[in-house]
C-alpha atoms as a PDB file:
ATOM      1  CA  MET A   1      -8.708  23.528 -13.411  1.00  0.00           C
ATOM      2  CA  ASN A   2     -11.075  24.509 -10.710  1.00  0.00           C
ATOM      3  CA  TRP A   3     -13.597  21.772  -9.800  1.00  0.00           C
ATOM      4  CA  TYR A   4     -14.994  23.689  -6.937  1.00  0.00           C
ATOM      5  CA  ARG A   5     -17.292  26.470  -8.124  1.00  0.00           C
ATOM      6  CA  GLY A   6     -18.152  27.799  -4.698  1.00  0.00           C
ATOM      7  CA  ASP A   7     -21.695  26.395  -4.508  1.00  0.00           C
ATOM      8  CA  GLY A   8     -20.678  23.750  -2.007  1.00  0.00           C
ATOM      9  CA  TYR A   9     -21.401  20.602  -4.054  1.00  0.00           C
ATOM     10  CA  GLY A  10     -18.118  19.960  -6.008  1.00  0.00           C
ATOM     11  CA  TRP A  11     -18.097  16.412  -7.392  1.00  0.00           C
ATOM     12  CA  MET A  12     -21.694  15.773  -6.178  1.00  0.00           C
ATOM     13  CA  ASP A  13     -23.099  17.639  -9.266  1.00  0.00           C
ATOM     14  CA  GLY A  14     -21.575  15.096 -11.638  1.00  0.00           C
ATOM     15  CA  GLY A  15     -22.605  12.173  -9.445  1.00  0.00           C
ATOM     16  CA  ALA A  16     -26.215  13.397  -9.296  1.00  0.00           C
ATOM     17  CA  MET A  17     -26.270  13.822 -13.094  1.00  0.00           C
ATOM     18  CA  LEU A  18     -24.960  10.330 -13.575  1.00  0.00           C
ATOM     19  CA  VAL A  19     -27.514   8.799 -11.148  1.00  0.00           C
ATOM     20  CA  MET A  20     -30.397  10.726 -12.729  1.00  0.00           C
ATOM     21  CA  GLY A  21     -29.222   9.733 -16.230  1.00  0.00           C
ATOM     22  CA  LEU A  22     -29.094   6.103 -15.250  1.00  0.00           C
ATOM     23  CA  PHE A  23     -32.523   6.402 -13.587  1.00  0.00           C
ATOM     24  CA  TRP A  24     -34.163   7.765 -16.752  1.00  0.00           C
ATOM     25  CA  ILE A  25     -32.511   5.115 -18.944  1.00  0.00           C
ATOM     26  CA  LEU A  26     -33.742   2.447 -16.556  1.00  0.00           C
ATOM     27  CA  LEU A  27     -37.226   3.924 -16.448  1.00  0.00           C
ATOM     28  CA  VAL A  28     -37.486   4.047 -20.212  1.00  0.00           C
ATOM     29  CA  GLY A  29     -36.128   0.497 -20.528  1.00  0.00           C
ATOM     30  CA  VAL A  30     -38.576  -0.948 -18.101  1.00  0.00           C
ATOM     31  CA  GLY A  31     -41.408   0.924 -19.893  1.00  0.00           C
ATOM     32  CA  ILE A  32     -40.427  -0.557 -23.286  1.00  0.00           C
ATOM     33  CA  TRP A  33     -40.006  -4.062 -21.702  1.00  0.00           C
ATOM     34  CA  LEU A  34     -43.549  -3.852 -20.168  1.00  0.00           C
ATOM     35  CA  ILE A  35     -45.096  -2.696 -23.462  1.00  0.00           C
ATOM     36  CA  THR A  36     -43.454  -5.459 -25.481  1.00  0.00           C
ATOM     37  CA  ARG A  37     -44.315  -8.077 -22.826  1.00  0.00           C
ATOM     38  CA  SER A  38     -47.993  -7.088 -22.889  1.00  0.00           C
ATOM     39  CA  MET A  39     -48.009  -7.208 -26.705  1.00  0.00           C
ATOM     40  CA  GLY A  40     -46.492 -10.672 -26.698  1.00  0.00           C
ATOM     41  CA  LYS A  41     -49.105 -12.071 -24.351  1.00  0.00           C
ATOM     42  CA  GLU A  42     -51.941 -11.165 -26.744  1.00  0.00           C
ATOM     43  CA  LYS A  43     -50.271 -13.193 -29.519  1.00  0.00           C
ATOM     44  CA  THR A  44     -49.378 -16.254 -27.399  1.00  0.00           C
ATOM     45  CA  THR A  45     -52.615 -16.829 -25.647  1.00  0.00           C
ATOM     46  CA  SER A  46     -53.610 -20.430 -26.248  1.00  0.00           C
ATOM     47  CA  VAL A  47     -56.478 -22.609 -25.177  1.00  0.00           C
ATOM     48  CA  GLN A  48     -55.645 -25.104 -22.494  1.00  0.00           C
ATOM     49  CA  GLU A  49     -55.998 -28.649 -23.765  1.00  0.00           C
ATOM     50  CA  SER A  50     -58.061 -31.151 -21.781  1.00  0.00           C
ATOM     51  CA  PRO A  51     -56.332 -34.362 -20.573  1.00  0.00           C
ATOM     52  CA  ARG A  52     -58.234 -36.317 -23.148  1.00  0.00           C
ATOM     53  CA  GLN A  53     -56.978 -34.108 -26.007  1.00  0.00           C
ATOM     54  CA  VAL A  54     -53.438 -34.454 -24.713  1.00  0.00           C
ATOM     55  CA  LEU A  55     -53.829 -38.224 -24.573  1.00  0.00           C
ATOM     56  CA  ASP A  56     -55.301 -38.282 -28.165  1.00  0.00           C
ATOM     57  CA  HIS A  57     -52.332 -36.199 -29.415  1.00  0.00           C
ATOM     58  CA  ARG A  58     -49.808 -38.455 -27.824  1.00  0.00           C
ATOM     59  CA  PHE A  59     -51.449 -41.592 -29.256  1.00  0.00           C
ATOM     60  CA  ALA A  60     -51.755 -40.029 -32.738  1.00  0.00           C
ATOM     61  CA  SER A  61     -48.101 -39.028 -32.728  1.00  0.00           C
ATOM     62  CA  GLY A  62     -46.989 -42.512 -31.686  1.00  0.00           C
ATOM     63  CA  GLU A  63     -45.657 -41.600 -28.254  1.00  0.00           C
ATOM     64  CA  ILE A  64     -47.858 -44.270 -26.627  1.00  0.00           C
ATOM     65  CA  ASP A  65     -49.174 -47.552 -27.909  1.00  0.00           C
ATOM     66  CA  ALA A  66     -52.828 -48.741 -28.027  1.00  0.00           C
ATOM     67  CA  ASP A  67     -52.701 -50.556 -24.708  1.00  0.00           C
ATOM     68  CA  ALA A  68     -51.310 -47.548 -22.888  1.00  0.00           C
ATOM     69  CA  TYR A  69     -53.861 -45.338 -24.583  1.00  0.00           C
ATOM     70  CA  LYS A  70     -56.772 -47.576 -23.478  1.00  0.00           C
ATOM     71  CA  GLN A  71     -55.574 -47.769 -19.914  1.00  0.00           C
ATOM     72  CA  ALA A  72     -54.980 -44.018 -19.675  1.00  0.00           C
ATOM     73  CA  ARG A  73     -58.330 -43.260 -21.238  1.00  0.00           C
ATOM     74  CA  LYS A  74     -60.110 -45.476 -18.690  1.00  0.00           C
ATOM     75  CA  LEU A  75     -58.259 -43.609 -15.863  1.00  0.00           C
ATOM     76  CA  ILE A  76     -59.213 -40.202 -17.312  1.00  0.00           C
ATOM     77  CA  GLU A  77     -62.838 -41.165 -17.732  1.00  0.00           C
ATOM     78  CA  GLY A  78     -62.919 -42.597 -14.211  1.00  0.00           C
ATOM     79  CA  LYS A  79     -63.715 -46.186 -15.315  1.00  0.00           C
ATOM     80  CA  GLY A  80     -60.390 -47.633 -14.217  1.00  0.00           C
ATOM     81  CA  ASP A  81     -59.006 -48.249 -10.798  1.00  0.00           C
ATOM     82  CA  SER A  82     -56.925 -45.574  -9.209  1.00  0.00           C
ATOM     83  CA  THR A  83     -53.741 -47.721  -8.828  1.00  0.00           C
ATOM     84  CA  LEU A  84     -51.311 -48.236 -11.623  1.00  0.00           C
ATOM     85  CA  ASP A  85     -49.550 -51.536 -12.165  1.00  0.00           C
ATOM     86  CA  SER A  86     -45.754 -51.433 -12.166  1.00  0.00           C
END
């Protein structure tokens, strides 16, 4: 078996082919990832909820009681004081 063909590169030919093959696989993979990522963003765009809407949802789902709802609503609307009681 003669690995040296007389062109002066020897094992470097195989190494260059391996590196270029990995480069192209990586390039195609990154391209596919970018395309699928941009497609996913179109589907998952959502409207940001206001603090009042978040508060209403939390109250409706039972996460907070009526007193906590009233106190938080006053703070959101700016009618309450800025300090919270412990």
